[in-house]
PDB file of N, CA and C in Angstrom:
ATOM      1  N   MET A   1       0.844  -1.173   0.000  1.00  0.00           N
ATOM      2  CA  MET A   1       0.000   0.000   0.000  1.00  0.00           C
ATOM      3  C   MET A   1       0.886   1.231   0.000  1.00  0.00           C
ATOM      4  N   SER A   2       0.635   2.114  -0.945  1.00  0.00           N
ATOM      5  CA  SER A   2       1.436   3.320  -1.001  1.00  0.00           C
ATOM      6  C   SER A   2       0.870   4.371  -0.055  1.00  0.00           C
ATOM      7  N   LYS A   3       1.755   5.220   0.373  1.00  0.00           N
ATOM      8  CA  LYS A   3       1.353   6.275   1.299  1.00  0.00           C
ATOM      9  C   LYS A   3       1.526   7.614   0.594  1.00  0.00           C
ATOM     10  N   VAL A   4       0.446   8.366   0.522  1.00  0.00           N
ATOM     11  CA  VAL A   4       0.469   9.669  -0.122  1.00  0.00           C
ATOM     12  C   VAL A   4       0.705  10.729   0.943  1.00  0.00           C
ATOM     13  N   LYS A   5       1.652  11.605   0.660  1.00  0.00           N
ATOM     14  CA  LYS A   5       1.966  12.657   1.613  1.00  0.00           C
ATOM     15  C   LYS A   5       1.240  13.946   1.224  1.00  0.00           C
ATOM     16  N   LEU A   6       0.636  14.576   2.223  1.00  0.00           N
ATOM     17  CA  LEU A   6      -0.109  15.812   2.019  1.00  0.00           C
ATOM     18  C   LEU A   6       0.494  16.902   2.884  1.00  0.00           C
ATOM     19  N   ALA A   7       0.484  18.118   2.371  1.00  0.00           N
ATOM     20  CA  ALA A   7       1.015  19.249   3.127  1.00  0.00           C
ATOM     21  C   ALA A   7       0.076  20.435   3.029  1.00  0.00           C
ATOM     22  N   PHE A   8       0.183  21.299   4.008  1.00  0.00           N
ATOM     23  CA  PHE A   8      -0.516  22.575   3.975  1.00  0.00           C
ATOM     24  C   PHE A   8       0.505  23.665   4.247  1.00  0.00           C
ATOM     25  N   VAL A   9       0.452  24.722   3.447  1.00  0.00           N
ATOM     26  CA  VAL A   9       1.310  25.895   3.627  1.00  0.00           C
ATOM     27  C   VAL A   9       0.402  27.092   3.832  1.00  0.00           C
ATOM     28  N   GLY A  10       0.558  27.749   4.975  1.00  0.00           N
ATOM     29  CA  GLY A  10      -0.286  28.916   5.211  1.00  0.00           C
ATOM     30  C   GLY A  10      -0.041  29.526   6.557  1.00  0.00           C
ATOM     31  N   GLY A  11      -0.871  30.479   6.882  1.00  0.00           N
ATOM     32  CA  GLY A  11      -0.756  31.174   8.145  1.00  0.00           C
ATOM     33  C   GLY A  11      -1.115  30.275   9.319  1.00  0.00           C
ATOM     34  N   GLU A  12      -0.530  30.571  10.458  1.00  0.00           N
ATOM     35  CA  GLU A  12      -0.744  29.768  11.662  1.00  0.00           C
ATOM     36  C   GLU A  12      -2.224  29.660  11.999  1.00  0.00           C
ATOM     37  N   GLU A  13      -2.991  30.710  11.727  1.00  0.00           N
ATOM     38  CA  GLU A  13      -4.406  30.729  12.078  1.00  0.00           C
ATOM     39  C   GLU A  13      -5.220  29.693  11.292  1.00  0.00           C
ATOM     40  N   ASN A  14      -4.680  29.193  10.201  1.00  0.00           N
ATOM     41  CA  ASN A  14      -5.413  28.213   9.382  1.00  0.00           C
ATOM     42  C   ASN A  14      -4.814  26.808   9.442  1.00  0.00           C
ATOM     43  N   THR A  15      -3.862  26.587  10.297  1.00  0.00           N
ATOM     44  CA  THR A  15      -3.164  25.303  10.299  1.00  0.00           C
ATOM     45  C   THR A  15      -3.828  24.227  11.155  1.00  0.00           C
ATOM     46  N   LEU A  16      -4.610  24.624  12.127  1.00  0.00           N
ATOM     47  CA  LEU A  16      -5.129  23.666  13.102  1.00  0.00           C
ATOM     48  C   LEU A  16      -5.925  22.529  12.465  1.00  0.00           C
ATOM     49  N   CYS A  17      -6.833  22.864  11.571  1.00  0.00           N
ATOM     50  CA  CYS A  17      -7.664  21.800  10.975  1.00  0.00           C
ATOM     51  C   CYS A  17      -6.814  20.859  10.111  1.00  0.00           C
ATOM     52  N   PHE A  18      -5.794  21.396   9.435  1.00  0.00           N
ATOM     53  CA  PHE A  18      -4.947  20.531   8.612  1.00  0.00           C
ATOM     54  C   PHE A  18      -4.070  19.629   9.485  1.00  0.00           C
ATOM     55  N   ARG A  19      -3.585  20.163  10.589  1.00  0.00           N
ATOM     56  CA  ARG A  19      -2.830  19.322  11.529  1.00  0.00           C
ATOM     57  C   ARG A  19      -3.718  18.184  12.034  1.00  0.00           C
ATOM     58  N   GLY A  20      -4.966  18.509  12.330  1.00  0.00           N
ATOM     59  CA  GLY A  20      -5.906  17.520  12.828  1.00  0.00           C
ATOM     60  C   GLY A  20      -6.203  16.409  11.836  1.00  0.00           C
ATOM     61  N   MET A  21      -6.062  16.726  10.538  1.00  0.00           N
ATOM     62  CA  MET A  21      -6.316  15.718   9.498  1.00  0.00           C
ATOM     63  C   MET A  21      -5.053  14.959   9.117  1.00  0.00           C
ATOM     64  N   GLY A  22      -3.938  15.239   9.790  1.00  0.00           N
ATOM     65  CA  GLY A  22      -2.713  14.486   9.539  1.00  0.00           C
ATOM     66  C   GLY A  22      -1.807  15.067   8.472  1.00  0.00           C
ATOM     67  N   PHE A  23      -2.085  16.258   8.008  1.00  0.00           N
ATOM     68  CA  PHE A  23      -1.216  16.913   7.021  1.00  0.00           C
ATOM     69  C   PHE A  23       0.087  17.332   7.695  1.00  0.00           C
ATOM     70  N   ASP A  24       1.155  17.380   6.926  1.00  0.00           N
ATOM     71  CA  ASP A  24       2.357  18.078   7.364  1.00  0.00           C
ATOM     72  C   ASP A  24       2.085  19.557   7.152  1.00  0.00           C
ATOM     73  N   VAL A  25       2.342  20.358   8.159  1.00  0.00           N
ATOM     74  CA  VAL A  25       1.975  21.774   8.111  1.00  0.00           C
ATOM     75  C   VAL A  25       3.219  22.649   8.129  1.00  0.00           C
ATOM     76  N   PHE A  26       3.213  23.631   7.229  1.00  0.00           N
ATOM     77  CA  PHE A  26       4.282  24.624   7.174  1.00  0.00           C
ATOM     78  C   PHE A  26       3.628  25.978   7.425  1.00  0.00           C
ATOM     79  N   ALA A  27       3.745  26.459   8.646  1.00  0.00           N
ATOM     80  CA  ALA A  27       3.147  27.738   9.017  1.00  0.00           C
ATOM     81  C   ALA A  27       4.110  28.867   8.656  1.00  0.00           C
ATOM     82  N   VAL A  28       3.630  29.785   7.846  1.00  0.00           N
ATOM     83  CA  VAL A  28       4.445  30.916   7.416  1.00  0.00           C
ATOM     84  C   VAL A  28       3.619  32.198   7.536  1.00  0.00           C
ATOM     85  N   LYS A  29       4.337  33.311   7.666  1.00  0.00           N
ATOM     86  CA  LYS A  29       3.659  34.601   7.775  1.00  0.00           C
ATOM     87  C   LYS A  29       3.784  35.419   6.497  1.00  0.00           C
ATOM     88  N   GLU A  30       4.874  35.207   5.768  1.00  0.00           N
ATOM     89  CA  GLU A  30       5.106  36.014   4.572  1.00  0.00           C
ATOM     90  C   GLU A  30       5.895  35.218   3.531  1.00  0.00           C
ATOM     91  N   ASP A  31       5.946  35.745   2.316  1.00  0.00           N
ATOM     92  CA  ASP A  31       6.605  35.056   1.203  1.00  0.00           C
ATOM     93  C   ASP A  31       8.070  34.731   1.491  1.00  0.00           C
ATOM     94  N   ALA A  32       8.795  35.652   2.124  1.00  0.00           N
ATOM     95  CA  ALA A  32      10.218  35.426   2.396  1.00  0.00           C
ATOM     96  C   ALA A  32      10.418  34.209   3.294  1.00  0.00           C
ATOM     97  N   GLU A  33       9.547  34.065   4.266  1.00  0.00           N
ATOM     98  CA  GLU A  33       9.625  32.912   5.164  1.00  0.00           C
ATOM     99  C   GLU A  33       9.324  31.626   4.400  1.00  0.00           C
ATOM    100  N   LEU A  34       8.364  31.680   3.503  1.00  0.00           N
ATOM    101  CA  LEU A  34       8.027  30.514   2.681  1.00  0.00           C
ATOM    102  C   LEU A  34       9.204  30.131   1.782  1.00  0.00           C
ATOM    103  N   ARG A  35       9.853  31.119   1.188  1.00  0.00           N
ATOM    104  CA  ARG A  35      10.973  30.819   0.284  1.00  0.00           C
ATOM    105  C   ARG A  35      12.085  30.046   0.998  1.00  0.00           C
ATOM    106  N   GLU A  36      12.256  30.282   2.282  1.00  0.00           N
ATOM    107  CA  GLU A  36      13.259  29.547   3.048  1.00  0.00           C
ATOM    108  C   GLU A  36      12.880  28.079   3.234  1.00  0.00           C
ATOM    109  N   MET A  37      11.593  27.761   3.125  1.00  0.00           N
ATOM    110  CA  MET A  37      11.119  26.389   3.346  1.00  0.00           C
ATOM    111  C   MET A  37      10.908  25.614   2.051  1.00  0.00           C
ATOM    112  N   LEU A  38      11.006  26.269   0.911  1.00  0.00           N
ATOM    113  CA  LEU A  38      10.622  25.629  -0.352  1.00  0.00           C
ATOM    114  C   LEU A  38      11.418  24.368  -0.658  1.00  0.00           C
ATOM    115  N   GLN A  39      12.705  24.405  -0.441  1.00  0.00           N
ATOM    116  CA  GLN A  39      13.508  23.221  -0.753  1.00  0.00           C
ATOM    117  C   GLN A  39      13.136  22.045   0.140  1.00  0.00           C
ATOM    118  N   GLU A  40      12.851  22.330   1.405  1.00  0.00           N
ATOM    119  CA  GLU A  40      12.409  21.284   2.329  1.00  0.00           C
ATOM    120  C   GLU A  40      11.088  20.674   1.861  1.00  0.00           C
ATOM    121  N   ILE A  41      10.178  21.542   1.426  1.00  0.00           N
ATOM    122  CA  ILE A  41       8.878  21.070   0.938  1.00  0.00           C
ATOM    123  C   ILE A  41       9.067  20.219  -0.316  1.00  0.00           C
ATOM    124  N   ARG A  42       9.924  20.672  -1.202  1.00  0.00           N
ATOM    125  CA  ARG A  42      10.149  19.937  -2.452  1.00  0.00           C
ATOM    126  C   ARG A  42      10.788  18.574  -2.206  1.00  0.00           C
ATOM    127  N   SER A  43      11.764  18.528  -1.320  1.00  0.00           N
ATOM    128  CA  SER A  43      12.475  17.266  -1.088  1.00  0.00           C
ATOM    129  C   SER A  43      11.614  16.221  -0.387  1.00  0.00           C
ATOM    130  N   ALA A  44      10.515  16.630   0.217  1.00  0.00           N
ATOM    131  CA  ALA A  44       9.631  15.678   0.900  1.00  0.00           C
ATOM    132  C   ALA A  44       8.699  14.951  -0.062  1.00  0.00           C
ATOM    133  N   ASN A  45       8.666  15.358  -1.328  1.00  0.00           N
ATOM    134  CA  ASN A  45       7.860  14.688  -2.355  1.00  0.00           C
ATOM    135  C   ASN A  45       6.380  14.561  -1.982  1.00  0.00           C
ATOM    136  N   TYR A  46       5.779  15.676  -1.681  1.00  0.00           N
ATOM    137  CA  TYR A  46       4.348  15.668  -1.372  1.00  0.00           C
ATOM    138  C   TYR A  46       3.547  15.434  -2.648  1.00  0.00           C
ATOM    139  N   ALA A  47       2.441  14.709  -2.501  1.00  0.00           N
ATOM    140  CA  ALA A  47       1.554  14.485  -3.640  1.00  0.00           C
ATOM    141  C   ALA A  47       0.645  15.694  -3.845  1.00  0.00           C
ATOM    142  N   VAL A  48       0.140  16.228  -2.746  1.00  0.00           N
ATOM    143  CA  VAL A  48      -0.751  17.391  -2.811  1.00  0.00           C
ATOM    144  C   VAL A  48      -0.302  18.406  -1.770  1.00  0.00           C
ATOM    145  N   ILE A  49      -0.217  19.648  -2.208  1.00  0.00           N
ATOM    146  CA  ILE A  49       0.133  20.744  -1.307  1.00  0.00           C
ATOM    147  C   ILE A  49      -1.020  21.742  -1.344  1.00  0.00           C
ATOM    148  N   PHE A  50      -1.742  21.851  -0.259  1.00  0.00           N
ATOM    149  CA  PHE A  50      -2.777  22.865  -0.132  1.00  0.00           C
ATOM    150  C   PHE A  50      -2.127  24.135   0.399  1.00  0.00           C
ATOM    151  N   THR A  51      -2.588  25.268  -0.106  1.00  0.00           N
ATOM    152  CA  THR A  51      -2.033  26.537   0.349  1.00  0.00           C
ATOM    153  C   THR A  51      -3.079  27.630   0.281  1.00  0.00           C
ATOM    154  N   GLU A  52      -2.819  28.690   0.997  1.00  0.00           N
ATOM    155  CA  GLU A  52      -3.668  29.866   0.910  1.00  0.00           C
ATOM    156  C   GLU A  52      -3.350  30.583  -0.402  1.00  0.00           C
ATOM    157  N   TRP A  53      -4.333  31.301  -0.939  1.00  0.00           N
ATOM    158  CA  TRP A  53      -4.125  32.003  -2.206  1.00  0.00           C
ATOM    159  C   TRP A  53      -2.950  32.958  -2.132  1.00  0.00           C
ATOM    160  N   ARG A  54      -2.704  33.578  -0.994  1.00  0.00           N
ATOM    161  CA  ARG A  54      -1.625  34.574  -0.912  1.00  0.00           C
ATOM    162  C   ARG A  54      -0.247  33.949  -1.107  1.00  0.00           C
ATOM    163  N   PHE A  55      -0.101  32.649  -0.862  1.00  0.00           N
ATOM    164  CA  PHE A  55       1.193  31.985  -1.049  1.00  0.00           C
ATOM    165  C   PHE A  55       1.265  31.178  -2.345  1.00  0.00           C
ATOM    166  N   TYR A  56       0.160  31.059  -3.046  1.00  0.00           N
ATOM    167  CA  TYR A  56       0.102  30.255  -4.271  1.00  0.00           C
ATOM    168  C   TYR A  56       1.106  30.699  -5.339  1.00  0.00           C
ATOM    169  N   PRO A  57       1.247  32.010  -5.616  1.00  0.00           N
ATOM    170  CA  PRO A  57       2.207  32.406  -6.665  1.00  0.00           C
ATOM    171  C   PRO A  57       3.644  31.963  -6.373  1.00  0.00           C
ATOM    172  N   VAL A  58       4.059  31.999  -5.130  1.00  0.00           N
ATOM    173  CA  VAL A  58       5.426  31.590  -4.773  1.00  0.00           C
ATOM    174  C   VAL A  58       5.595  30.090  -4.985  1.00  0.00           C
ATOM    175  N   LEU A  59       4.636  29.309  -4.508  1.00  0.00           N
ATOM    176  CA  LEU A  59       4.710  27.855  -4.689  1.00  0.00           C
ATOM    177  C   LEU A  59       4.656  27.476  -6.166  1.00  0.00           C
ATOM    178  N   LYS A  60       3.746  28.089  -6.883  1.00  0.00           N
ATOM    179  CA  LYS A  60       3.588  27.782  -8.313  1.00  0.00           C
ATOM    180  C   LYS A  60       4.882  28.066  -9.068  1.00  0.00           C
ATOM    181  N   ALA A  61       5.496  29.199  -8.804  1.00  0.00           N
ATOM    182  CA  ALA A  61       6.752  29.548  -9.485  1.00  0.00           C
ATOM    183  C   ALA A  61       7.868  28.575  -9.139  1.00  0.00           C
ATOM    184  N   PHE A  62       7.939  28.166  -7.879  1.00  0.00           N
ATOM    185  CA  PHE A  62       9.012  27.264  -7.462  1.00  0.00           C
ATOM    186  C   PHE A  62       8.869  25.878  -8.083  1.00  0.00           C
ATOM    187  N   PHE A  63       7.640  25.418  -8.254  1.00  0.00           N
ATOM    188  CA  PHE A  63       7.407  24.086  -8.814  1.00  0.00           C
ATOM    189  C   PHE A  63       7.132  24.123 -10.313  1.00  0.00           C
ATOM    190  N   GLU A  64       7.351  25.255 -10.966  1.00  0.00           N
ATOM    191  CA  GLU A  64       7.038  25.414 -12.387  1.00  0.00           C
ATOM    192  C   GLU A  64       7.753  24.374 -13.256  1.00  0.00           C
ATOM    193  N   ASP A  65       8.986  24.007 -12.904  1.00  0.00           N
ATOM    194  CA  ASP A  65       9.712  23.026 -13.712  1.00  0.00           C
ATOM    195  C   ASP A  65       9.088  21.636 -13.649  1.00  0.00           C
ATOM    196  N   LEU A  66       8.215  21.388 -12.684  1.00  0.00           N
ATOM    197  CA  LEU A  66       7.544  20.091 -12.573  1.00  0.00           C
ATOM    198  C   LEU A  66       6.125  20.132 -13.143  1.00  0.00           C
ATOM    199  N   ARG A  67       5.801  21.208 -13.862  1.00  0.00           N
ATOM    200  CA  ARG A  67       4.433  21.392 -14.354  1.00  0.00           C
ATOM    201  C   ARG A  67       3.957  20.249 -15.240  1.00  0.00           C
ATOM    202  N   SER A  68       4.861  19.638 -15.985  1.00  0.00           N
ATOM    203  CA  SER A  68       4.447  18.533 -16.850  1.00  0.00           C
ATOM    204  C   SER A  68       4.300  17.214 -16.090  1.00  0.00           C
ATOM    205  N   GLU A  69       4.702  17.200 -14.834  1.00  0.00           N
ATOM    206  CA  GLU A  69       4.580  15.998 -14.012  1.00  0.00           C
ATOM    207  C   GLU A  69       3.196  15.964 -13.348  1.00  0.00           C
ATOM    208  N   ALA A  70       2.770  14.790 -12.979  1.00  0.00           N
ATOM    209  CA  ALA A  70       1.464  14.661 -12.327  1.00  0.00           C
ATOM    210  C   ALA A  70       1.488  15.210 -10.903  1.00  0.00           C
ATOM    211  N   LEU A  71       2.614  15.092 -10.252  1.00  0.00           N
ATOM    212  CA  LEU A  71       2.704  15.512  -8.861  1.00  0.00           C
ATOM    213  C   LEU A  71       3.893  16.434  -8.651  1.00  0.00           C
ATOM    214  N   PRO A  72       3.815  17.343  -7.769  1.00  0.00           N
ATOM    215  CA  PRO A  72       2.737  17.574  -6.812  1.00  0.00           C
ATOM    216  C   PRO A  72       1.620  18.432  -7.395  1.00  0.00           C
ATOM    217  N   VAL A  73       0.449  18.222  -6.862  1.00  0.00           N
ATOM    218  CA  VAL A  73      -0.678  19.089  -7.164  1.00  0.00           C
ATOM    219  C   VAL A  73      -0.654  20.210  -6.124  1.00  0.00           C
ATOM    220  N   ILE A  74      -0.663  21.437  -6.603  1.00  0.00           N
ATOM    221  CA  ILE A  74      -0.689  22.570  -5.690  1.00  0.00           C
ATOM    222  C   ILE A  74      -2.078  23.161  -5.754  1.00  0.00           C
ATOM    223  N   CYS A  75      -2.770  23.107  -4.644  1.00  0.00           N
ATOM    224  CA  CYS A  75      -4.186  23.470  -4.617  1.00  0.00           C
ATOM    225  C   CYS A  75      -4.410  24.676  -3.699  1.00  0.00           C
ATOM    226  N   PRO A  76      -4.647  25.850  -4.293  1.00  0.00           N
ATOM    227  CA  PRO A  76      -4.932  27.008  -3.447  1.00  0.00           C
ATOM    228  C   PRO A  76      -6.354  26.951  -2.915  1.00  0.00           C
ATOM    229  N   ILE A  77      -6.520  27.380  -1.693  1.00  0.00           N
ATOM    230  CA  ILE A  77      -7.848  27.388  -1.089  1.00  0.00           C
ATOM    231  C   ILE A  77      -8.155  28.794  -0.585  1.00  0.00           C
ATOM    232  N   PRO A  78      -9.413  29.200  -0.682  1.00  0.00           N
ATOM    233  CA  PRO A  78      -9.763  30.529  -0.179  1.00  0.00           C
ATOM    234  C   PRO A  78      -9.799  30.539   1.343  1.00  0.00           C
ATOM    235  N   THR A  79      -9.203  31.554   1.912  1.00  0.00           N
ATOM    236  CA  THR A  79      -9.263  31.718   3.364  1.00  0.00           C
ATOM    237  C   THR A  79      -9.917  33.048   3.730  1.00  0.00           C
ATOM    238  N   LYS A  80     -10.238  33.826   2.687  1.00  0.00           N
ATOM    239  CA  LYS A  80     -10.935  35.098   2.900  1.00  0.00           C
ATOM    240  C   LYS A  80     -12.120  35.142   1.949  1.00  0.00           C
ATOM    241  N   LYS A  81     -13.134  35.879   2.327  1.00  0.00           N
ATOM    242  CA  LYS A  81     -14.348  35.963   1.513  1.00  0.00           C
ATOM    243  C   LYS A  81     -14.039  36.480   0.106  1.00  0.00           C
ATOM    244  N   ALA A  82     -13.112  37.415  -0.009  1.00  0.00           N
ATOM    245  CA  ALA A  82     -12.766  37.997  -1.311  1.00  0.00           C
ATOM    246  C   ALA A  82     -12.094  36.984  -2.246  1.00  0.00           C
ATOM    247  N   GLU A  83     -11.589  35.890  -1.713  1.00  0.00           N
ATOM    248  CA  GLU A  83     -10.887  34.889  -2.534  1.00  0.00           C
ATOM    249  C   GLU A  83     -11.828  33.830  -3.097  1.00  0.00           C
ATOM    250  N   ILE A  84     -13.053  33.810  -2.657  1.00  0.00           N
ATOM    251  CA  ILE A  84     -14.013  32.824  -3.150  1.00  0.00           C
ATOM    252  C   ILE A  84     -14.271  33.072  -4.630  1.00  0.00           C
ATOM    253  N   GLY A  85     -14.162  32.055  -5.442  1.00  0.00           N
ATOM    254  CA  GLY A  85     -14.376  32.174  -6.879  1.00  0.00           C
ATOM    255  C   GLY A  85     -13.096  32.270  -7.689  1.00  0.00           C
ATOM    256  N   LYS A  86     -11.956  32.504  -7.029  1.00  0.00           N
ATOM    257  CA  LYS A  86     -10.695  32.601  -7.758  1.00  0.00           C
ATOM    258  C   LYS A  86     -10.343  31.272  -8.429  1.00  0.00           C
ATOM    259  N   GLY A  87     -10.688  30.162  -7.793  1.00  0.00           N
ATOM    260  CA  GLY A  87     -10.406  28.856  -8.377  1.00  0.00           C
ATOM    261  C   GLY A  87     -11.167  28.658  -9.676  1.00  0.00           C
ATOM    262  N   GLY A  88     -12.419  29.085  -9.711  1.00  0.00           N
ATOM    263  CA  GLY A  88     -13.218  28.992 -10.927  1.00  0.00           C
ATOM    264  C   GLY A  88     -12.626  29.832 -12.049  1.00  0.00           C
ATOM    265  N   ASP A  89     -12.135  31.003 -11.692  1.00  0.00           N
ATOM    266  CA  ASP A  89     -11.488  31.865 -12.694  1.00  0.00           C
ATOM    267  C   ASP A  89     -10.242  31.186 -13.263  1.00  0.00           C
ATOM    268  N   THR A  90      -9.482  30.542 -12.400  1.00  0.00           N
ATOM    269  CA  THR A  90      -8.267  29.845 -12.847  1.00  0.00           C
ATOM    270  C   THR A  90      -8.616  28.693 -13.780  1.00  0.00           C
ATOM    271  N   ILE A  91      -9.633  27.914 -13.411  1.00  0.00           N
ATOM    272  CA  ILE A  91     -10.072  26.789 -14.268  1.00  0.00           C
ATOM    273  C   ILE A  91     -10.534  27.316 -15.622  1.00  0.00           C
ATOM    274  N   ARG A  92     -11.299  28.407 -15.609  1.00  0.00           N
ATOM    275  CA  ARG A  92     -11.814  28.985 -16.857  1.00  0.00           C
ATOM    276  C   ARG A  92     -10.642  29.396 -17.769  1.00  0.00           C
ATOM    277  N   LYS A  93      -9.624  30.023 -17.198  1.00  0.00           N
ATOM    278  CA  LYS A  93      -8.466  30.438 -17.994  1.00  0.00           C
ATOM    279  C   LYS A  93      -7.713  29.227 -18.551  1.00  0.00           C
ATOM    280  N   LEU A  94      -7.584  28.174 -17.748  1.00  0.00           N
ATOM    281  CA  LEU A  94      -6.890  26.967 -18.216  1.00  0.00           C
ATOM    282  C   LEU A  94      -7.661  26.289 -19.347  1.00  0.00           C
ATOM    283  N   VAL A  95      -8.989  26.250 -19.240  1.00  0.00           N
ATOM    284  CA  VAL A  95      -9.812  25.657 -20.303  1.00  0.00           C
ATOM    285  C   VAL A  95      -9.662  26.468 -21.588  1.00  0.00           C
ATOM    286  N   GLU A  96      -9.695  27.786 -21.465  1.00  0.00           N
ATOM    287  CA  GLU A  96      -9.525  28.636 -22.645  1.00  0.00           C
ATOM    288  C   GLU A  96      -8.162  28.436 -23.282  1.00  0.00           C
ATOM    289  N   LEU A  97      -7.148  28.291 -22.447  1.00  0.00           N
ATOM    290  CA  LEU A  97      -5.794  28.062 -22.948  1.00  0.00           C
ATOM    291  C   LEU A  97      -5.697  26.708 -23.654  1.00  0.00           C
ATOM    292  N   ALA A  98      -6.364  25.694 -23.099  1.00  0.00           N
ATOM    293  CA  ALA A  98      -6.273  24.337 -23.638  1.00  0.00           C
ATOM    294  C   ALA A  98      -7.033  24.175 -24.950  1.00  0.00           C
ATOM    295  N   ILE A  99      -8.236  24.749 -25.049  1.00  0.00           N
ATOM    296  CA  ILE A  99      -9.047  24.495 -26.244  1.00  0.00           C
ATOM    297  C   ILE A  99      -9.324  25.752 -27.060  1.00  0.00           C
ATOM    298  N   GLY A 100      -8.897  26.896 -26.556  1.00  0.00           N
ATOM    299  CA  GLY A 100      -9.038  28.125 -27.322  1.00  0.00           C
ATOM    300  C   GLY A 100     -10.382  28.804 -27.226  1.00  0.00           C
ATOM    301  N   SER A 101     -11.237  28.329 -26.337  1.00  0.00           N
ATOM    302  CA  SER A 101     -12.550  28.937 -26.193  1.00  0.00           C
ATOM    303  C   SER A 101     -13.071  28.703 -24.786  1.00  0.00           C
ATOM    304  N   ASN A 102     -13.935  29.599 -24.336  1.00  0.00           N
ATOM    305  CA  ASN A 102     -14.563  29.426 -23.033  1.00  0.00           C
ATOM    306  C   ASN A 102     -15.829  28.606 -23.207  1.00  0.00           C
ATOM    307  N   ILE A 103     -15.792  27.353 -22.821  1.00  0.00           N
ATOM    308  CA  ILE A 103     -16.967  26.494 -22.961  1.00  0.00           C
ATOM    309  C   ILE A 103     -17.770  26.442 -21.669  1.00  0.00           C
ATOM    310  N   LEU A 104     -17.231  27.026 -20.618  1.00  0.00           N
ATOM    311  CA  LEU A 104     -17.955  27.044 -19.347  1.00  0.00           C
ATOM    312  C   LEU A 104     -18.955  28.188 -19.381  1.00  0.00           C
ATOM    313  N   LEU A 105     -20.185  27.877 -19.114  1.00  0.00           N
ATOM    314  CA  LEU A 105     -21.221  28.893 -19.131  1.00  0.00           C
ATOM    315  C   LEU A 105     -21.140  29.732 -17.865  1.00  0.00           C
ATOM    316  N   GLN A 106     -21.435  30.990 -17.986  1.00  0.00           N
ATOM    317  CA  GLN A 106     -21.420  31.865 -16.821  1.00  0.00           C
ATOM    318  C   GLN A 106     -22.447  31.380 -15.806  1.00  0.00           C
ATOM    319  N   GLY A 107     -22.060  31.375 -14.550  1.00  0.00           N
ATOM    320  CA  GLY A 107     -22.968  30.975 -13.488  1.00  0.00           C
ATOM    321  C   GLY A 107     -23.048  29.487 -13.255  1.00  0.00           C
ATOM    322  N   GLU A 108     -22.272  28.688 -13.978  1.00  0.00           N
ATOM    323  CA  GLU A 108     -22.272  27.231 -13.789  1.00  0.00           C
ATOM    324  C   GLU A 108     -21.013  26.754 -13.103  1.00  0.00           C
ATOM    325  N   GLU A 109     -20.635  27.360 -12.022  1.00  0.00           N
ATOM    326  CA  GLU A 109     -19.472  26.868 -11.294  1.00  0.00           C
ATOM    327  C   GLU A 109     -19.917  26.055 -10.119  1.00  0.00           C
TER     328      GLU A 109
END
């Protein structure tokens, strides 16, 4: 049986539930602090890394060379009301990039 490793990267205020679910947690306050942990996160070979939207650009850039690989999946999650819907916007842009048209109907997220 294989064991999949999961991680969460985000502010201390959002780490408790992920710790409770058995995730490895990397609590950071700002991008500079995250950049110091990136190599450690990469060397642990996580399958899925959940993160707050504010840290997503740093993680995405660091793992850009692995974009053609299946893993790790970097999954940003909204932690503020203003961030709700950003994931749908990202999916819409990826679909447009992949097929050249927006096939997702407005309001069907």
